[in-house]
């Protein structure tokens, strides 16, 4: 279901650029150890950097929101982007820890792969998968982004997103052809998402990739919006649409169980 891609090395991968990234990360790490903030001279001295280099890097981090600068005290502190990033990592780690045993139990029942993803802008981010016990099984690649419009989990993430976000995705998401059955007509896509929301599950019938079918359900918060999505995916030769529907009695309670165990739910 997920493919590997060759990496094209560009100027952005040069030693000088990667060294600059390393310096920026070390400055952020040092700042993270100072909850009250730090002066530029302190950060530069701790990391063995010229003051001009430290200033240039910190200015870029301030511009991107990862660092905040207080002119009255001349001190730098971590910015909102750093907190958002750390919160996301913490949330996804908690999600994996909670979901893993439940997903493994689902795969034992369905004998197919169980997949987990979260919304990541106009994509889904694959977070975890539990391998099916059969010799031929869909393989997941945690940490990789994937499309929303043509996958069972992606449709669930759209259908149960907060209303404004849902409407924006339905109207503006690129409907790029991925598999032989990808929905590329905007009106049909609107209808599809409305049906997913009404019935509480989504099906992808070789829409993302030829030879793969999947059925997904949302993992919903207490207010009904999707925290994540869960799906069972199988080779098309082994599971037709009717057989996919037979996986719902395992998927639906699993999604509820995961949601109930997440912090704040």
Protein backbone atom coordinates (compact mmCIF):
# COMPACT_ATOMS: atom_id res chain seq x y z
CA UNK A 1 0.00 0.00 0.00
CA UNK A 2 2.97 2.28 0.53
CA UNK A 3 5.80 2.56 -1.96
CA UNK A 4 9.43 3.54 -1.45
CA UNK A 5 10.87 6.45 -3.39
CA UNK A 6 14.40 7.22 -4.52
CA UNK A 7 15.90 10.29 -2.85
CA UNK A 8 17.28 12.96 -5.16
CA UNK A 9 20.15 14.77 -3.49
CA UNK A 10 20.20 18.50 -4.16
CA UNK A 11 22.03 21.54 -2.92
CA UNK A 12 19.80 21.44 0.15
CA UNK A 13 21.61 18.23 1.16
CA UNK A 14 25.10 19.76 1.02
CA UNK A 15 27.38 19.55 4.09
CA UNK A 16 27.02 23.29 4.71
CA UNK A 17 23.21 23.16 4.79
CA UNK A 18 23.06 20.07 6.99
CA UNK A 19 25.62 21.63 9.33
CA UNK A 20 23.42 24.73 9.60
CA UNK A 21 20.45 22.50 10.44
CA UNK A 22 22.52 20.78 13.11
CA UNK A 23 23.47 24.12 14.64
CA UNK A 24 19.84 25.23 14.67
CA UNK A 25 18.77 22.00 16.37
CA UNK A 26 21.51 22.35 19.00
CA UNK A 27 20.40 25.91 19.73
CA UNK A 28 16.79 24.75 20.10
CA UNK A 29 17.89 21.95 22.42
CA UNK A 30 19.88 24.37 24.55
CA UNK A 31 16.90 26.72 24.70
CA UNK A 32 14.67 23.85 25.77
CA UNK A 33 16.88 23.38 28.83
CA UNK A 34 16.27 27.01 29.85
CA UNK A 35 12.55 27.47 30.62
CA UNK A 36 13.20 31.12 31.57
CA UNK A 37 14.95 31.77 28.30
CA UNK A 38 18.52 32.67 27.46
CA UNK A 39 20.57 35.53 26.10
CA UNK A 40 22.14 35.18 22.66
CA UNK A 41 25.64 35.26 24.19
CA UNK A 42 24.74 32.34 26.49
CA UNK A 43 23.42 30.25 23.62
CA UNK A 44 26.39 31.03 21.40
CA UNK A 45 28.92 30.23 24.16
CA UNK A 46 27.23 26.98 25.12
CA UNK A 47 27.26 25.75 21.52
CA UNK A 48 30.68 27.14 20.58
CA UNK A 49 29.26 29.37 17.86
CA UNK A 50 30.30 32.84 16.74
CA UNK A 51 27.81 35.43 17.92
CA UNK A 52 26.99 36.40 14.33
CA UNK A 53 26.19 32.77 13.40
CA UNK A 54 24.00 32.27 16.45
CA UNK A 55 22.18 35.53 15.74
CA UNK A 56 21.49 34.58 12.12
CA UNK A 57 20.13 31.15 13.07
CA UNK A 58 18.02 32.48 15.95
CA UNK A 59 16.55 35.17 13.69
CA UNK A 60 15.43 32.45 11.27
CA UNK A 61 13.92 30.40 14.11
CA UNK A 62 12.07 33.48 15.38
CA UNK A 63 10.77 34.17 11.88
CA UNK A 64 9.41 30.61 11.60
CA UNK A 65 7.81 30.72 15.05
CA UNK A 66 10.02 28.10 16.72
CA UNK A 67 11.64 30.72 18.97
CA UNK A 68 10.31 33.90 20.60
CA UNK A 69 12.45 36.98 21.25
CA UNK A 70 11.60 39.46 24.01
CA UNK A 71 13.18 42.85 23.14
CA UNK A 72 12.85 44.27 26.68
CA UNK A 73 14.96 41.49 28.23
CA UNK A 74 16.95 40.43 25.13
CA UNK A 75 16.06 36.83 25.96
CA UNK A 76 14.99 34.02 23.67
CA UNK A 77 12.40 31.41 24.64
CA UNK A 78 10.79 28.53 22.78
CA UNK A 79 7.99 29.64 20.47
CA UNK A 80 4.56 28.24 19.73
CA UNK A 81 5.75 26.15 16.81
CA UNK A 82 8.12 24.25 19.09
CA UNK A 83 5.31 23.60 21.56
CA UNK A 84 2.96 22.49 18.78
CA UNK A 85 5.58 20.08 17.47
CA UNK A 86 6.32 18.59 20.88
CA UNK A 87 2.60 18.27 21.60
CA UNK A 88 2.05 16.45 18.33
CA UNK A 89 4.88 14.01 18.96
CA UNK A 90 3.56 13.37 22.47
CA UNK A 91 0.02 12.85 21.17
CA UNK A 92 1.07 10.44 18.43
CA UNK A 93 3.30 8.49 20.81
CA UNK A 94 0.38 8.14 23.23
CA UNK A 95 -1.88 7.12 20.34
CA UNK A 96 0.50 4.34 19.29
CA UNK A 97 0.94 3.07 22.84
CA UNK A 98 -2.83 2.93 23.35
CA UNK A 99 -3.70 1.55 19.91
CA UNK A 100 -1.05 -1.15 19.49
CA UNK A 101 -2.64 -4.00 21.50
CA UNK A 102 -6.11 -3.25 20.16
CA UNK A 103 -4.85 -3.19 16.57
CA UNK A 104 -3.04 -6.49 17.06
CA UNK A 105 -6.26 -8.02 18.38
CA UNK A 106 -8.16 -6.75 15.32
CA UNK A 107 -5.57 -8.28 12.97
CA UNK A 108 -5.86 -11.59 14.82
CA UNK A 109 -9.62 -11.50 14.23
CA UNK A 110 -9.63 -10.30 10.61
CA UNK A 111 -6.38 -12.02 9.60
CA UNK A 112 -5.56 -8.85 7.64
CA UNK A 113 -3.44 -5.77 8.26
CA UNK A 114 -4.82 -3.08 10.58
CA UNK A 115 -3.72 0.49 9.86
CA UNK A 116 -3.81 3.76 11.82
CA UNK A 117 -3.44 7.32 10.56
CA UNK A 118 -4.02 10.94 11.58
CA UNK A 119 -4.80 14.09 9.62
CA UNK A 120 -1.73 16.06 8.54
CA UNK A 121 -2.85 19.10 6.56
CA UNK A 122 -4.07 17.94 3.11
CA UNK A 123 -2.62 14.47 3.77
CA UNK A 124 -2.87 11.64 6.22
CA UNK A 125 0.12 10.57 8.26
CA UNK A 126 0.47 6.81 8.73
CA UNK A 127 1.16 6.28 12.42
CA UNK A 128 1.14 2.52 13.01
CA UNK A 129 0.11 -0.80 11.53
CA UNK A 130 -0.38 -4.34 12.77
CA UNK A 131 0.60 -6.99 10.25
CA UNK A 132 -1.90 -9.63 9.25
CA UNK A 133 -0.92 -13.27 9.87
CA UNK A 134 -1.29 -14.36 6.26
CA UNK A 135 1.72 -14.74 3.98
CA UNK A 136 0.56 -12.04 1.57
CA UNK A 137 -0.44 -8.94 3.53
CA UNK A 138 -0.60 -5.17 3.12
CA UNK A 139 2.51 -3.57 4.61
CA UNK A 140 2.34 -0.20 6.35
CA UNK A 141 5.08 2.43 6.54
CA UNK A 142 4.68 4.54 9.71
CA UNK A 143 5.85 8.11 9.36
CA UNK A 144 4.93 8.43 5.71
CA UNK A 145 2.28 10.76 4.34
CA UNK A 146 -0.48 9.51 2.07
CA UNK A 147 -3.50 10.88 0.20
CA UNK A 148 -6.85 11.54 1.83
CA UNK A 149 -9.30 11.44 -1.05
CA UNK A 150 -8.75 7.87 -2.23
CA UNK A 151 -8.16 5.90 1.00
CA UNK A 152 -10.62 4.53 3.54
CA UNK A 153 -8.88 6.22 6.47
CA UNK A 154 -8.47 9.48 4.57
CA UNK A 155 -12.17 9.66 3.77
CA UNK A 156 -12.97 9.10 7.46
CA UNK A 157 -10.56 11.84 8.50
CA UNK A 158 -12.28 14.24 6.12
CA UNK A 159 -15.85 13.19 6.92
CA UNK A 160 -15.36 13.59 10.67
CA UNK A 161 -13.11 16.65 10.65
CA UNK A 162 -14.46 19.86 12.25
CA UNK A 163 -17.07 21.37 9.94
CA UNK A 164 -15.02 24.27 8.51
CA UNK A 165 -12.05 22.03 7.82
CA UNK A 166 -14.27 19.32 6.35
CA UNK A 167 -15.90 21.76 3.96
CA UNK A 168 -12.54 23.19 2.91
CA UNK A 169 -11.10 19.74 2.19
CA UNK A 170 -14.19 18.60 0.30
CA UNK A 171 -14.12 21.66 -1.95
CA UNK A 172 -10.38 22.21 -2.40
CA UNK A 173 -8.50 18.95 -1.93
CA UNK A 174 -6.75 17.85 -5.12
CA UNK A 175 -8.50 14.75 -6.48
CA UNK A 176 -5.43 13.29 -8.12
CA UNK A 177 -5.91 9.91 -9.85
CA UNK A 178 -4.00 7.30 -7.83
CA UNK A 179 -5.66 3.94 -8.54
CA UNK A 180 -8.03 2.67 -11.23
CA UNK A 181 -11.14 3.66 -9.24
CA UNK A 182 -10.08 7.01 -7.75
CA UNK A 183 -12.96 9.48 -7.48
CA UNK A 184 -11.85 12.56 -9.41
CA UNK A 185 -15.24 14.24 -9.96
CA UNK A 186 -15.89 16.92 -7.33
CA UNK A 187 -19.63 16.30 -7.07
CA UNK A 188 -19.14 12.55 -6.67
CA UNK A 189 -16.51 13.24 -4.03
CA UNK A 190 -18.91 15.47 -2.10
CA UNK A 191 -21.51 12.69 -2.18
CA UNK A 192 -18.93 10.12 -1.09
CA UNK A 193 -17.88 12.09 1.98
CA UNK A 194 -21.51 12.76 2.91
CA UNK A 195 -22.21 9.02 2.72
CA UNK A 196 -19.13 8.21 4.83
CA UNK A 197 -20.32 10.63 7.48
CA UNK A 198 -23.85 9.18 7.40
CA UNK A 199 -22.90 5.51 7.62
CA UNK A 200 -19.84 5.91 9.87
CA UNK A 201 -17.34 4.03 7.74
CA UNK A 202 -15.51 4.36 4.42
CA UNK A 203 -14.46 1.94 1.71
CA UNK A 204 -11.62 2.25 -0.77
CA UNK A 205 -12.08 -0.19 -3.64
CA UNK A 206 -8.76 -0.02 -5.54
CA UNK A 207 -8.93 3.77 -5.40
CA UNK A 208 -5.47 4.28 -3.90
CA UNK A 209 -3.74 1.39 -5.58
CA UNK A 210 -4.73 -1.41 -7.93
CA UNK A 211 -5.18 -4.69 -6.11
CA UNK A 212 -5.87 -3.22 -2.65
CA UNK A 213 -9.21 -2.79 -0.89
CA UNK A 214 -9.75 -1.30 2.56
CA UNK A 215 -12.48 -0.36 5.00
CA UNK A 216 -12.00 2.34 7.63
CA UNK A 217 -13.70 3.89 10.64
CA UNK A 218 -12.99 7.09 12.55
CA UNK A 219 -11.55 7.16 16.06
CA UNK A 220 -13.69 9.97 17.43
CA UNK A 221 -13.28 12.42 20.29
CA UNK A 222 -16.07 13.10 22.76
CA UNK A 223 -17.36 15.89 20.47
CA UNK A 224 -17.57 13.57 17.46
CA UNK A 225 -14.58 14.79 15.48
CA UNK A 226 -11.92 12.39 14.24
CA UNK A 227 -8.78 12.05 16.35
CA UNK A 228 -7.49 9.38 13.96
CA UNK A 229 -8.75 6.66 11.65
CA UNK A 230 -8.47 2.89 11.74
CA UNK A 231 -8.75 0.51 8.81
CA UNK A 232 -8.42 -3.05 7.64
CA UNK A 233 -6.69 -3.44 4.29
CA UNK A 234 -6.45 -6.58 2.17
CA UNK A 235 -5.42 -7.74 -1.29
CA UNK A 236 -8.37 -7.39 -3.64
CA UNK A 237 -8.20 -11.03 -4.73
CA UNK A 238 -8.87 -12.08 -1.13
CA UNK A 239 -11.50 -9.56 -0.05
CA UNK A 240 -14.37 -8.14 -2.05
CA UNK A 241 -16.48 -5.24 -0.76
CA UNK A 242 -18.97 -7.55 0.96
CA UNK A 243 -16.13 -9.24 2.83
CA UNK A 244 -14.77 -5.84 3.88
CA UNK A 245 -18.08 -5.07 5.55
CA UNK A 246 -17.65 -8.22 7.65
CA UNK A 247 -14.65 -6.56 9.32
CA UNK A 248 -16.79 -3.77 10.82
CA UNK A 249 -17.76 -5.76 13.96
CA UNK A 250 -14.05 -5.86 14.82
CA UNK A 251 -13.15 -2.33 13.71
CA UNK A 252 -15.96 -0.30 15.28
CA UNK A 253 -15.50 -1.43 18.91
CA UNK A 254 -11.71 -1.23 18.44
CA UNK A 255 -12.00 2.44 17.42
CA UNK A 256 -14.20 3.14 20.45
CA UNK A 257 -11.78 1.33 22.75
CA UNK A 258 -8.81 3.35 21.49
CA UNK A 259 -10.72 6.64 21.80
CA UNK A 260 -11.79 5.83 25.35
CA UNK A 261 -8.19 5.27 26.44
CA UNK A 262 -6.74 8.46 24.96
CA UNK A 263 -5.95 11.28 27.40
CA UNK A 264 -8.68 13.88 27.71
CA UNK A 265 -11.43 11.76 26.17
